[in-house]
Amino acid sequence: MKKSKGTRRGTRKILRKDPSKRGLVPINRALQEFEEGEKVKIKIEPSVHKAQPHRRFHGKIGEVEGKQGKAFVVKVKDGGKIKKVISRPEHLEGA
């Protein structure tokens, strides 16, 4: 049997909500707007699968570089490199 290599592999504890907070997020979380250069924290919302960043960026703080459709482009330092993460506002919060 081959091991799955999906993007959500090994996230049983990372992408889990408390029983009282299960379900969809409030609509104002999806309508958040961020300015260019603003610092944001990447906090993955498990109930929304669209434009979900990779789990390695969960909890990281980055800088908004611009907008791409409904999503935001965030610059994040990963190791010694700067990477661009494309994520919807549900997965971001002001830092």
Protein backbone atom coordinates (compact mmCIF):
# COMPACT_ATOMS: atom_id res chain seq x y z
CA MET A 1 0.00 0.00 0.00
CA LYS A 2 1.36 3.45 -0.94
CA LYS A 3 1.40 6.32 1.53
CA SER A 4 -0.73 9.34 0.61
CA LYS A 5 1.24 12.48 -0.26
CA GLY A 6 -1.57 15.04 -0.23
CA THR A 7 -1.17 18.62 0.99
CA ARG A 8 -3.11 17.94 4.21
CA ARG A 9 -1.07 14.84 5.13
CA GLY A 10 -0.05 14.80 8.81
CA THR A 11 -2.40 17.60 9.86
CA ARG A 12 -4.75 15.76 12.20
CA LYS A 13 -3.79 17.95 15.17
CA ILE A 14 -2.79 21.15 13.31
CA LEU A 15 -6.05 21.53 11.37
CA ARG A 16 -8.48 20.69 14.16
CA LYS A 17 -11.11 22.97 15.68
CA ASP A 18 -12.57 22.90 19.17
CA PRO A 19 -16.01 21.25 19.21
CA SER A 20 -17.64 24.59 20.17
CA LYS A 21 -16.04 26.38 17.19
CA ARG A 22 -16.86 23.84 14.48
CA GLY A 23 -18.70 24.84 11.34
CA LEU A 24 -18.24 27.68 8.90
CA VAL A 25 -16.54 30.95 9.80
CA PRO A 26 -18.41 34.26 10.03
CA ILE A 27 -18.78 36.10 6.71
CA ASN A 28 -16.83 39.16 7.90
CA ARG A 29 -13.73 36.95 8.17
CA ALA A 30 -13.98 36.28 4.42
CA LEU A 31 -14.52 39.97 3.63
CA GLN A 32 -11.39 41.19 5.46
CA GLU A 33 -9.20 43.61 3.57
CA PHE A 34 -5.48 44.11 4.09
CA GLU A 35 -3.27 46.93 2.83
CA GLU A 36 -0.01 46.38 0.96
CA GLY A 37 2.89 46.17 3.42
CA GLU A 38 0.63 45.16 6.33
CA LYS A 39 1.83 42.33 8.61
CA VAL A 40 -0.49 39.31 8.79
CA LYS A 41 -0.45 35.99 10.61
CA ILE A 42 -1.24 32.85 8.61
CA LYS A 43 -3.76 30.84 10.60
CA ILE A 44 -5.28 28.08 8.46
CA GLU A 45 -9.07 27.78 8.66
CA PRO A 46 -9.78 24.03 8.25
CA SER A 47 -13.42 24.47 7.17
CA VAL A 48 -12.43 26.48 4.07
CA HIS A 49 -10.40 24.48 1.53
CA LYS A 50 -10.11 27.11 -1.21
CA ALA A 51 -6.77 28.95 -1.40
CA GLN A 52 -5.54 27.20 1.73
CA PRO A 53 -1.79 27.69 2.27
CA HIS A 54 0.50 24.72 2.90
CA ARG A 55 0.61 23.55 6.52
CA ARG A 56 4.29 24.52 6.87
CA PHE A 57 3.21 28.18 6.84
CA HIS A 58 0.63 27.78 9.64
CA GLY A 59 1.44 30.25 12.43
CA LYS A 60 3.99 32.26 10.41
CA ILE A 61 3.91 36.03 10.10
CA GLY A 62 4.34 37.63 6.69
CA GLU A 63 3.86 40.86 4.79
CA VAL A 64 1.05 41.46 2.28
CA GLU A 65 2.55 42.08 -1.15
CA GLY A 66 -0.64 42.49 -3.17
CA LYS A 67 -3.92 40.96 -4.22
CA GLN A 68 -4.56 38.17 -6.72
CA GLY A 69 -8.27 37.78 -7.41
CA LYS A 70 -9.98 37.28 -4.05
CA ALA A 71 -6.75 36.07 -2.44
CA PHE A 72 -3.74 37.92 -1.04
CA VAL A 73 -0.08 37.36 -1.87
CA VAL A 74 1.94 37.20 1.35
CA LYS A 75 5.76 37.22 1.60
CA VAL A 76 6.93 34.75 4.26
CA LYS A 77 10.44 33.89 5.38
CA ASP A 78 10.91 30.10 5.26
CA GLY A 79 14.36 29.05 6.36
CA GLY A 80 16.73 31.44 4.60
CA LYS A 81 14.44 32.15 1.65
CA ILE A 82 11.51 34.48 1.12
CA LYS A 83 8.49 32.71 -0.36
CA LYS A 84 5.19 33.97 -1.71
CA VAL A 85 2.07 32.39 -0.26
CA ILE A 86 -1.27 32.90 -2.02
CA SER A 87 -4.06 32.70 0.51
CA ARG A 88 -7.65 33.80 0.97
CA PRO A 89 -8.52 36.20 3.83
CA GLU A 90 -10.17 33.40 5.87
CA HIS A 91 -6.69 32.01 6.52
CA LEU A 92 -5.17 35.38 7.51
CA GLU A 93 -5.49 37.65 10.52
CA GLY A 94 -3.91 40.99 11.41
CA ALA A 95 -0.68 40.68 13.38
